[in-house]
Amino acid sequence: MNDKLKKFIDAHREAFDSENPDPKLYRQLREQLKGNIIKHKADQKKLFRFIAVAASVVIVSVSLYVIFQKKNDATIPGSQMTSEISSNPEGVYAKQIDQYQQIIDQQQAQLKQVQYEHPDLYHQFTDDINQLDSAYRILKTTLEMNPNTEMLLEAMIRNLQIQSELLTRQLSIIKEIKQKSKA
């Protein structure tokens, strides 16, 4: 069958090549293509606007978080700088690290209770905490080799604060899930 079609086309090639499409067809195609390009550009503009708005929201959120976090740091026990820091900074920082470590241990024990009820959620939460904990361990090993201990100790305490805040949020999410499942 292909041979018959091929022979027919070869035999009548001049007739096919001599015919030109109607100029109206070219105009219609051009107008359709322009319409598609305009729509595509409009879609791109909408996408860029959405990205710009999303980026603005993220920037504002992070800015507000940093501003309010600085205010909240003053109310956290052990976060205020005293004359004790200048005389024995490692000792004061060690106390703060111990306080946060105890809080984190308690929160992780609470989180562990959910391990069998919601295993997927538990694994996701522990992955997040493990990432922060690995960063803490890196800071801790860097502390031994770095002469600027005060800055690293502050970074370690900030990491522990973030871990504690994350665990608090995770526990509140679990509490909400439990309340919804009871209702």
N, C-alpha and C. Protein backbone atom coordinates (compact mmCIF):
# COMPACT_ATOMS: atom_id res chain seq x y z
N MET A 1 0.83 -1.19 0.00
CA MET A 1 0.00 0.00 0.00
C MET A 1 0.87 1.24 0.00
N ASN A 2 1.95 1.22 0.74
CA ASN A 2 2.88 2.35 0.76
C ASN A 2 3.49 2.56 -0.62
N ASP A 3 3.73 1.45 -1.32
CA ASP A 3 4.32 1.57 -2.66
C ASP A 3 3.38 2.29 -3.61
N LYS A 4 2.08 1.98 -3.51
CA LYS A 4 1.11 2.63 -4.39
C LYS A 4 1.06 4.12 -4.11
N LEU A 5 1.05 4.48 -2.82
CA LEU A 5 1.01 5.89 -2.45
C LEU A 5 2.27 6.61 -2.91
N LYS A 6 3.39 5.98 -2.70
CA LYS A 6 4.66 6.56 -3.10
C LYS A 6 4.72 6.76 -4.62
N LYS A 7 4.26 5.78 -5.36
CA LYS A 7 4.25 5.89 -6.82
C LYS A 7 3.32 7.02 -7.26
N PHE A 8 2.17 7.12 -6.63
CA PHE A 8 1.21 8.17 -6.98
C PHE A 8 1.82 9.55 -6.72
N ILE A 9 2.48 9.72 -5.58
CA ILE A 9 3.09 11.02 -5.25
C ILE A 9 4.21 11.34 -6.24
N ASP A 10 5.03 10.33 -6.55
CA ASP A 10 6.13 10.56 -7.49
C ASP A 10 5.59 10.92 -8.88
N ALA A 11 4.50 10.28 -9.28
CA ALA A 11 3.94 10.52 -10.61
C ALA A 11 3.30 11.90 -10.71
N HIS A 12 2.76 12.40 -9.62
CA HIS A 12 2.03 13.67 -9.66
C HIS A 12 2.75 14.77 -8.88
N ARG A 13 4.05 14.67 -8.72
CA ARG A 13 4.83 15.63 -7.92
C ARG A 13 4.67 17.05 -8.46
N GLU A 14 4.70 17.22 -9.74
CA GLU A 14 4.59 18.55 -10.33
C GLU A 14 3.26 19.19 -9.99
N ALA A 15 2.21 18.42 -9.96
CA ALA A 15 0.90 18.96 -9.64
C ALA A 15 0.85 19.41 -8.18
N PHE A 16 1.50 18.63 -7.32
CA PHE A 16 1.52 19.01 -5.89
C PHE A 16 2.36 20.26 -5.67
N ASP A 17 3.49 20.35 -6.33
CA ASP A 17 4.40 21.46 -6.12
C ASP A 17 3.91 22.75 -6.76
N SER A 18 3.09 22.65 -7.75
CA SER A 18 2.64 23.86 -8.45
C SER A 18 1.55 24.58 -7.65
N GLU A 19 0.88 23.91 -6.80
CA GLU A 19 -0.20 24.53 -6.03
C GLU A 19 0.38 25.25 -4.80
N ASN A 20 -0.11 26.46 -4.53
CA ASN A 20 0.28 27.23 -3.35
C ASN A 20 -0.95 27.41 -2.46
N PRO A 21 -0.75 27.41 -1.17
CA PRO A 21 -1.90 27.61 -0.28
C PRO A 21 -2.43 29.04 -0.39
N ASP A 22 -3.63 29.20 0.02
CA ASP A 22 -4.30 30.49 -0.01
C ASP A 22 -3.60 31.47 0.93
N PRO A 23 -3.37 32.71 0.50
CA PRO A 23 -2.70 33.70 1.38
C PRO A 23 -3.48 33.96 2.67
N LYS A 24 -4.77 33.77 2.63
CA LYS A 24 -5.59 33.94 3.85
C LYS A 24 -5.14 32.94 4.93
N LEU A 25 -4.76 31.77 4.50
CA LEU A 25 -4.31 30.75 5.43
C LEU A 25 -3.07 31.22 6.19
N TYR A 26 -2.13 31.85 5.49
CA TYR A 26 -0.93 32.37 6.14
C TYR A 26 -1.30 33.44 7.17
N ARG A 27 -2.21 34.33 6.80
CA ARG A 27 -2.64 35.38 7.74
C ARG A 27 -3.31 34.78 8.97
N GLN A 28 -4.15 33.79 8.77
CA GLN A 28 -4.82 33.14 9.89
C GLN A 28 -3.81 32.46 10.82
N LEU A 29 -2.84 31.79 10.22
CA LEU A 29 -1.81 31.13 11.04
C LEU A 29 -1.00 32.15 11.84
N ARG A 30 -0.64 33.27 11.18
CA ARG A 30 0.12 34.31 11.87
C ARG A 30 -0.68 34.88 13.05
N GLU A 31 -1.95 35.14 12.84
CA GLU A 31 -2.79 35.69 13.91
C GLU A 31 -2.93 34.69 15.06
N GLN A 32 -3.08 33.42 14.75
CA GLN A 32 -3.19 32.40 15.80
C GLN A 32 -1.89 32.31 16.59
N LEU A 33 -0.78 32.35 15.88
CA LEU A 33 0.51 32.26 16.57
C LEU A 33 0.76 33.49 17.44
N LYS A 34 0.40 34.67 16.94
CA LYS A 34 0.55 35.88 17.75
C LYS A 34 -0.30 35.78 19.00
N GLY A 35 -1.50 35.28 18.87
CA GLY A 35 -2.39 35.11 20.03
C GLY A 35 -1.77 34.17 21.07
N ASN A 36 -1.18 33.07 20.59
CA ASN A 36 -0.55 32.12 21.51
C ASN A 36 0.66 32.74 22.20
N ILE A 37 1.44 33.52 21.46
CA ILE A 37 2.61 34.17 22.05
C ILE A 37 2.18 35.17 23.11
N ILE A 38 1.13 35.94 22.79
CA ILE A 38 0.63 36.93 23.76
C ILE A 38 0.13 36.20 25.01
N LYS A 39 -0.60 35.12 24.84
CA LYS A 39 -1.09 34.36 25.99
C LYS A 39 0.08 33.81 26.79
N HIS A 40 1.08 33.31 26.10
CA HIS A 40 2.26 32.74 26.78
C HIS A 40 2.98 33.82 27.59
N LYS A 41 3.13 35.01 27.00
CA LYS A 41 3.78 36.10 27.71
C LYS A 41 2.94 36.53 28.92
N ALA A 42 1.62 36.54 28.76
CA ALA A 42 0.75 36.90 29.88
C ALA A 42 0.87 35.87 31.00
N ASP A 43 0.96 34.59 30.65
CA ASP A 43 1.15 33.54 31.64
C ASP A 43 2.48 33.71 32.36
N GLN A 44 3.53 34.08 31.60
CA GLN A 44 4.83 34.30 32.22
C GLN A 44 4.79 35.47 33.19
N LYS A 45 4.08 36.54 32.80
CA LYS A 45 3.97 37.69 33.69
C LYS A 45 3.25 37.32 34.98
N LYS A 46 2.19 36.52 34.87
CA LYS A 46 1.48 36.08 36.07
C LYS A 46 2.38 35.24 36.96
N LEU A 47 3.17 34.37 36.36
CA LEU A 47 4.08 33.53 37.11
C LEU A 47 5.13 34.37 37.83
N PHE A 48 5.71 35.35 37.13
CA PHE A 48 6.71 36.22 37.74
C PHE A 48 6.09 37.04 38.87
N ARG A 49 4.87 37.50 38.69
CA ARG A 49 4.20 38.25 39.77
C ARG A 49 4.01 37.35 40.99
N PHE A 50 3.57 36.12 40.75
CA PHE A 50 3.37 35.18 41.84
C PHE A 50 4.68 34.92 42.58
N ILE A 51 5.76 34.72 41.83
CA ILE A 51 7.07 34.47 42.44
C ILE A 51 7.52 35.69 43.24
N ALA A 52 7.30 36.88 42.69
CA ALA A 52 7.69 38.10 43.40
C ALA A 52 6.91 38.25 44.70
N VAL A 53 5.61 37.98 44.65
CA VAL A 53 4.79 38.07 45.86
C VAL A 53 5.24 37.03 46.88
N ALA A 54 5.48 35.82 46.43
CA ALA A 54 5.92 34.76 47.34
C ALA A 54 7.26 35.11 47.97
N ALA A 55 8.18 35.63 47.17
CA ALA A 55 9.48 36.02 47.71
C ALA A 55 9.33 37.15 48.72
N SER A 56 8.45 38.09 48.43
CA SER A 56 8.22 39.19 49.36
C SER A 56 7.66 38.68 50.68
N VAL A 57 6.73 37.75 50.61
CA VAL A 57 6.14 37.18 51.82
C VAL A 57 7.21 36.47 52.63
N VAL A 58 8.07 35.73 51.97
CA VAL A 58 9.14 35.01 52.68
C VAL A 58 10.08 36.00 53.34
N ILE A 59 10.48 37.03 52.62
CA ILE A 59 11.41 38.02 53.17
C ILE A 59 10.79 38.74 54.37
N VAL A 60 9.55 39.15 54.24
CA VAL A 60 8.88 39.82 55.35
C VAL A 60 8.74 38.88 56.54
N SER A 61 8.37 37.63 56.29
CA SER A 61 8.22 36.66 57.37
C SER A 61 9.53 36.44 58.11
N VAL A 62 10.60 36.26 57.37
CA VAL A 62 11.91 36.05 58.00
C VAL A 62 12.32 37.29 58.78
N SER A 63 12.08 38.45 58.21
CA SER A 63 12.43 39.69 58.91
C SER A 63 11.66 39.82 60.22
N LEU A 64 10.36 39.58 60.17
CA LEU A 64 9.55 39.65 61.38
C LEU A 64 9.99 38.60 62.40
N TYR A 65 10.30 37.42 61.93
CA TYR A 65 10.75 36.37 62.83
C TYR A 65 12.03 36.80 63.55
N VAL A 66 12.99 37.35 62.80
CA VAL A 66 14.25 37.78 63.40
C VAL A 66 14.01 38.90 64.41
N ILE A 67 13.16 39.85 64.05
CA ILE A 67 12.88 40.97 64.94
C ILE A 67 12.24 40.48 66.23
N PHE A 68 11.19 39.65 66.10
CA PHE A 68 10.51 39.17 67.30
C PHE A 68 11.37 38.18 68.08
N GLN A 69 12.22 37.46 67.41
CA GLN A 69 13.09 36.51 68.10
C GLN A 69 14.07 37.25 68.99
N LYS A 70 14.59 38.36 68.50
CA LYS A 70 15.51 39.15 69.34
C LYS A 70 14.81 39.64 70.59
N LYS A 71 13.54 40.07 70.45
CA LYS A 71 12.78 40.51 71.62
C LYS A 71 12.54 39.35 72.56
N ASN A 72 12.23 38.16 72.02
CA ASN A 72 11.96 37.00 72.85
C ASN A 72 13.21 36.46 73.52
N ASP A 73 14.37 36.66 72.91
CA ASP A 73 15.62 36.17 73.50
C ASP A 73 15.86 36.79 74.87
N ALA A 74 15.39 38.01 75.06
CA ALA A 74 15.59 38.67 76.34
C ALA A 74 14.80 37.98 77.44
N THR A 75 13.71 37.29 77.10
CA THR A 75 12.89 36.63 78.12
C THR A 75 13.29 35.19 78.36
N ILE A 76 14.17 34.64 77.55
CA ILE A 76 14.61 33.26 77.72
C ILE A 76 15.62 33.22 78.85
N PRO A 77 15.44 32.30 79.82
CA PRO A 77 16.38 32.26 80.93
C PRO A 77 17.80 31.99 80.43
N GLY A 78 18.74 32.75 80.97
CA GLY A 78 20.14 32.53 80.63
C GLY A 78 20.58 33.21 79.36
N SER A 79 19.69 33.94 78.68
CA SER A 79 20.10 34.55 77.41
C SER A 79 20.66 35.95 77.59
N GLN A 80 20.48 36.57 78.77
CA GLN A 80 20.98 37.91 78.96
C GLN A 80 22.45 37.87 79.30
N MET A 81 23.19 38.82 78.76
CA MET A 81 24.61 38.91 79.04
C MET A 81 24.80 39.61 80.38
N THR A 82 25.61 39.02 81.23
CA THR A 82 25.91 39.60 82.53
C THR A 82 27.41 39.71 82.70
N SER A 83 27.81 40.20 83.84
CA SER A 83 29.24 40.32 84.10
C SER A 83 29.87 38.94 84.25
N GLU A 84 29.01 37.93 84.51
CA GLU A 84 29.50 36.56 84.63
C GLU A 84 30.13 36.09 83.32
N ILE A 85 29.60 36.53 82.21
CA ILE A 85 30.10 36.10 80.91
C ILE A 85 31.52 36.59 80.71
N SER A 86 31.79 37.82 81.09
CA SER A 86 33.14 38.34 80.87
C SER A 86 34.17 37.64 81.74
N SER A 87 33.75 37.18 82.93
CA SER A 87 34.71 36.51 83.79
C SER A 87 34.89 35.04 83.45
N ASN A 88 33.80 34.36 83.06
CA ASN A 88 33.87 32.93 82.75
C ASN A 88 32.87 32.60 81.65
N PRO A 89 33.16 32.97 80.40
CA PRO A 89 32.16 32.77 79.34
C PRO A 89 31.83 31.31 79.09
N GLU A 90 32.80 30.42 79.14
CA GLU A 90 32.53 29.01 78.86
C GLU A 90 31.57 28.42 79.88
N GLY A 91 31.74 28.83 81.15
CA GLY A 91 30.87 28.32 82.22
C GLY A 91 29.43 28.76 82.04
N VAL A 92 29.23 30.02 81.69
CA VAL A 92 27.87 30.54 81.49
C VAL A 92 27.24 29.87 80.28
N TYR A 93 28.02 29.77 79.20
CA TYR A 93 27.49 29.13 78.01
C TYR A 93 27.20 27.66 78.26
N ALA A 94 28.04 27.02 79.05
CA ALA A 94 27.82 25.61 79.36
C ALA A 94 26.51 25.43 80.11
N LYS A 95 26.20 26.37 81.02
CA LYS A 95 24.92 26.30 81.75
C LYS A 95 23.75 26.42 80.77
N GLN A 96 23.85 27.38 79.87
CA GLN A 96 22.78 27.58 78.89
C GLN A 96 22.63 26.35 78.00
N ILE A 97 23.75 25.81 77.56
CA ILE A 97 23.70 24.61 76.71
C ILE A 97 23.04 23.47 77.46
N ASP A 98 23.40 23.30 78.74
CA ASP A 98 22.79 22.23 79.54
C ASP A 98 21.28 22.44 79.69
N GLN A 99 20.86 23.69 79.92
CA GLN A 99 19.43 23.99 80.05
C GLN A 99 18.67 23.61 78.78
N TYR A 100 19.20 24.06 77.65
CA TYR A 100 18.53 23.76 76.38
C TYR A 100 18.56 22.26 76.08
N GLN A 101 19.67 21.63 76.42
CA GLN A 101 19.78 20.19 76.17
C GLN A 101 18.73 19.43 76.97
N GLN A 102 18.49 19.83 78.21
CA GLN A 102 17.46 19.20 79.04
C GLN A 102 16.07 19.40 78.45
N ILE A 103 15.81 20.62 78.01
CA ILE A 103 14.50 20.93 77.40
C ILE A 103 14.30 20.08 76.14
N ILE A 104 15.33 20.02 75.31
CA ILE A 104 15.25 19.25 74.07
C ILE A 104 15.04 17.77 74.37
N ASP A 105 15.76 17.25 75.37
CA ASP A 105 15.60 15.84 75.73
C ASP A 105 14.15 15.54 76.16
N GLN A 106 13.56 16.44 76.95
CA GLN A 106 12.17 16.26 77.37
C GLN A 106 11.22 16.29 76.18
N GLN A 107 11.44 17.24 75.28
CA GLN A 107 10.58 17.36 74.11
C GLN A 107 10.72 16.16 73.19
N GLN A 108 11.94 15.65 73.05
CA GLN A 108 12.14 14.47 72.21
C GLN A 108 11.48 13.24 72.83
N ALA A 109 11.46 13.16 74.15
CA ALA A 109 10.77 12.05 74.82
C ALA A 109 9.27 12.13 74.54
N GLN A 110 8.72 13.33 74.56
CA GLN A 110 7.30 13.51 74.23
C GLN A 110 7.03 13.13 72.78
N LEU A 111 7.94 13.51 71.91
CA LEU A 111 7.78 13.21 70.49
C LEU A 111 7.85 11.71 70.24
N LYS A 112 8.70 11.03 70.99
CA LYS A 112 8.87 9.59 70.82
C LYS A 112 7.58 8.82 71.12
N GLN A 113 6.71 9.39 71.97
CA GLN A 113 5.46 8.73 72.33
C GLN A 113 4.54 8.60 71.12
N VAL A 114 4.74 9.41 70.11
CA VAL A 114 3.89 9.42 68.92
C VAL A 114 4.44 8.48 67.85
N GLN A 115 5.59 7.93 68.08
CA GLN A 115 6.30 7.13 67.08
C GLN A 115 5.42 6.04 66.48
N TYR A 116 4.61 5.37 67.25
CA TYR A 116 3.83 4.24 66.75
C TYR A 116 2.46 4.67 66.23
N GLU A 117 1.96 5.81 66.72
CA GLU A 117 0.65 6.29 66.25
C GLU A 117 0.74 6.89 64.85
N HIS A 118 1.79 7.67 64.62
CA HIS A 118 1.98 8.36 63.34
C HIS A 118 3.42 8.18 62.89
N PRO A 119 3.79 7.01 62.40
CA PRO A 119 5.21 6.75 62.08
C PRO A 119 5.77 7.65 60.98
N ASP A 120 4.97 7.95 59.94
CA ASP A 120 5.48 8.80 58.86
C ASP A 120 5.79 10.20 59.37
N LEU A 121 4.87 10.74 60.15
CA LEU A 121 5.06 12.07 60.72
C LEU A 121 6.26 12.08 61.67
N TYR A 122 6.38 11.04 62.46
CA TYR A 122 7.50 10.93 63.40
C TYR A 122 8.83 10.92 62.65
N HIS A 123 8.91 10.15 61.59
CA HIS A 123 10.16 10.08 60.82
C HIS A 123 10.49 11.43 60.17
N GLN A 124 9.47 12.10 59.67
CA GLN A 124 9.69 13.41 59.05
C GLN A 124 10.21 14.40 60.11
N PHE A 125 9.58 14.38 61.29
CA PHE A 125 10.00 15.28 62.36
C PHE A 125 11.42 14.96 62.82
N THR A 126 11.73 13.69 62.97
CA THR A 126 13.07 13.34 63.44
C THR A 126 14.13 13.67 62.38
N ASP A 127 13.79 13.58 61.12
CA ASP A 127 14.74 13.97 60.06
C ASP A 127 15.08 15.46 60.19
N ASP A 128 14.06 16.29 60.44
CA ASP A 128 14.29 17.72 60.60
C ASP A 128 15.20 18.00 61.80
N ILE A 129 14.91 17.34 62.91
CA ILE A 129 15.72 17.54 64.12
C ILE A 129 17.14 17.03 63.90
N ASN A 130 17.27 15.89 63.21
CA ASN A 130 18.60 15.33 62.97
C ASN A 130 19.47 16.26 62.14
N GLN A 131 18.87 16.99 61.20
CA GLN A 131 19.64 17.95 60.41
C GLN A 131 20.20 19.06 61.29
N LEU A 132 19.35 19.57 62.19
CA LEU A 132 19.82 20.61 63.10
C LEU A 132 20.87 20.05 64.06
N ASP A 133 20.65 18.83 64.51
CA ASP A 133 21.59 18.22 65.45
C ASP A 133 22.95 17.97 64.80
N SER A 134 22.95 17.60 63.53
CA SER A 134 24.23 17.39 62.85
C SER A 134 24.98 18.72 62.71
N ALA A 135 24.24 19.80 62.46
CA ALA A 135 24.88 21.12 62.41
C ALA A 135 25.45 21.48 63.78
N TYR A 136 24.74 21.12 64.84
CA TYR A 136 25.23 21.37 66.21
C TYR A 136 26.51 20.60 66.46
N ARG A 137 26.54 19.35 66.03
CA ARG A 137 27.74 18.53 66.24
C ARG A 137 28.94 19.09 65.47
N ILE A 138 28.69 19.62 64.30
CA ILE A 138 29.77 20.25 63.52
C ILE A 138 30.31 21.47 64.27
N LEU A 139 29.39 22.27 64.81
CA LEU A 139 29.82 23.43 65.59
C LEU A 139 30.64 22.99 66.80
N LYS A 140 30.21 21.92 67.42
CA LYS A 140 30.89 21.43 68.62
C LYS A 140 32.31 20.97 68.29
N THR A 141 32.48 20.26 67.17
CA THR A 141 33.83 19.83 66.79
C THR A 141 34.69 21.01 66.35
N THR A 142 34.07 22.01 65.74
CA THR A 142 34.81 23.21 65.33
C THR A 142 35.26 24.00 66.55
N LEU A 143 34.48 23.94 67.62
CA LEU A 143 34.79 24.67 68.84
C LEU A 143 36.16 24.27 69.40
N GLU A 144 36.47 23.01 69.32
CA GLU A 144 37.73 22.53 69.87
C GLU A 144 38.94 23.06 69.10
N MET A 145 38.77 23.36 67.83
CA MET A 145 39.89 23.79 66.99
C MET A 145 39.95 25.30 66.78
N ASN A 146 38.92 26.03 67.17
CA ASN A 146 38.81 27.44 66.85
C ASN A 146 39.12 28.29 68.08
N PRO A 147 39.91 29.35 67.92
CA PRO A 147 40.21 30.21 69.06
C PRO A 147 39.04 31.13 69.45
N ASN A 148 38.12 31.39 68.52
CA ASN A 148 36.99 32.28 68.81
C ASN A 148 35.85 31.46 69.40
N THR A 149 36.00 31.05 70.63
CA THR A 149 35.03 30.14 71.25
C THR A 149 33.71 30.82 71.55
N GLU A 150 33.74 32.09 71.91
CA GLU A 150 32.51 32.77 72.29
C GLU A 150 31.50 32.80 71.14
N MET A 151 31.97 33.11 69.95
CA MET A 151 31.08 33.16 68.79
C MET A 151 30.50 31.78 68.49
N LEU A 152 31.33 30.75 68.57
CA LEU A 152 30.85 29.39 68.31
C LEU A 152 29.89 28.93 69.38
N LEU A 153 30.15 29.28 70.63
CA LEU A 153 29.23 28.91 71.71
C LEU A 153 27.86 29.57 71.52
N GLU A 154 27.88 30.82 71.09
CA GLU A 154 26.62 31.51 70.81
C GLU A 154 25.88 30.83 69.66
N ALA A 155 26.61 30.42 68.63
CA ALA A 155 25.99 29.72 67.51
C ALA A 155 25.42 28.38 67.97
N MET A 156 26.13 27.70 68.84
CA MET A 156 25.64 26.42 69.36
C MET A 156 24.36 26.62 70.17
N ILE A 157 24.33 27.66 71.00
CA ILE A 157 23.13 27.95 71.78
C ILE A 157 21.98 28.32 70.86
N ARG A 158 22.26 29.10 69.84
CA ARG A 158 21.19 29.47 68.88
C ARG A 158 20.65 28.22 68.18
N ASN A 159 21.52 27.29 67.84
CA ASN A 159 21.09 26.04 67.21
C ASN A 159 20.18 25.27 68.17
N LEU A 160 20.56 25.21 69.43
CA LEU A 160 19.72 24.51 70.42
C LEU A 160 18.37 25.21 70.59
N GLN A 161 18.37 26.54 70.56
CA GLN A 161 17.11 27.29 70.63
C GLN A 161 16.21 26.93 69.46
N ILE A 162 16.78 26.87 68.28
CA ILE A 162 15.99 26.54 67.09
C ILE A 162 15.47 25.12 67.19
N GLN A 163 16.30 24.20 67.67
CA GLN A 163 15.84 22.81 67.86
C GLN A 163 14.66 22.77 68.82
N SER A 164 14.76 23.51 69.92
CA SER A 164 13.68 23.52 70.91
C SER A 164 12.41 24.12 70.31
N GLU A 165 12.55 25.21 69.56
CA GLU A 165 11.38 25.83 68.92
C GLU A 165 10.75 24.87 67.92
N LEU A 166 11.58 24.19 67.14
CA LEU A 166 11.07 23.24 66.17
C LEU A 166 10.32 22.10 66.86
N LEU A 167 10.90 21.58 67.91
CA LEU A 167 10.22 20.51 68.65
C LEU A 167 8.90 20.99 69.25
N THR A 168 8.88 22.22 69.74
CA THR A 168 7.64 22.79 70.29
C THR A 168 6.57 22.85 69.20
N ARG A 169 6.95 23.31 68.02
CA ARG A 169 5.99 23.38 66.90
C ARG A 169 5.52 21.98 66.50
N GLN A 170 6.46 21.04 66.45
CA GLN A 170 6.09 19.67 66.07
C GLN A 170 5.13 19.07 67.09
N LEU A 171 5.38 19.30 68.36
CA LEU A 171 4.49 18.78 69.40
C LEU A 171 3.10 19.43 69.32
N SER A 172 3.05 20.71 68.97
CA SER A 172 1.75 21.36 68.82
C SER A 172 1.00 20.81 67.60
N ILE A 173 1.72 20.47 66.54
CA ILE A 173 1.08 19.85 65.37
C ILE A 173 0.50 18.50 65.75
N ILE A 174 1.26 17.74 66.50
CA ILE A 174 0.78 16.42 66.94
C ILE A 174 -0.44 16.58 67.82
N LYS A 175 -0.43 17.58 68.69
CA LYS A 175 -1.57 17.83 69.58
C LYS A 175 -2.82 18.15 68.75
N GLU A 176 -2.65 18.98 67.71
CA GLU A 176 -3.78 19.32 66.84
C GLU A 176 -4.31 18.08 66.12
N ILE A 177 -3.41 17.24 65.66
CA ILE A 177 -3.83 16.02 64.96
C ILE A 177 -4.61 15.12 65.91
N LYS A 178 -4.15 15.01 67.13
CA LYS A 178 -4.86 14.17 68.12
C LYS A 178 -6.25 14.74 68.40
N GLN A 179 -6.35 16.06 68.50
CA GLN A 179 -7.65 16.69 68.76
C GLN A 179 -8.60 16.48 67.59
N LYS A 180 -8.08 16.57 66.37
CA LYS A 180 -8.93 16.36 65.20
C LYS A 180 -9.39 14.92 65.09
N SER A 181 -8.54 14.00 65.47
CA SER A 181 -8.91 12.59 65.38
C SER A 181 -9.94 12.22 66.46
N LYS A 182 -9.95 12.94 67.60
CA LYS A 182 -10.94 12.70 68.63
C LYS A 182 -12.30 13.25 68.23
N ALA A 183 -12.29 14.31 67.45
CA ALA A 183 -13.56 14.97 67.08
C ALA A 183 -14.29 14.21 66.01
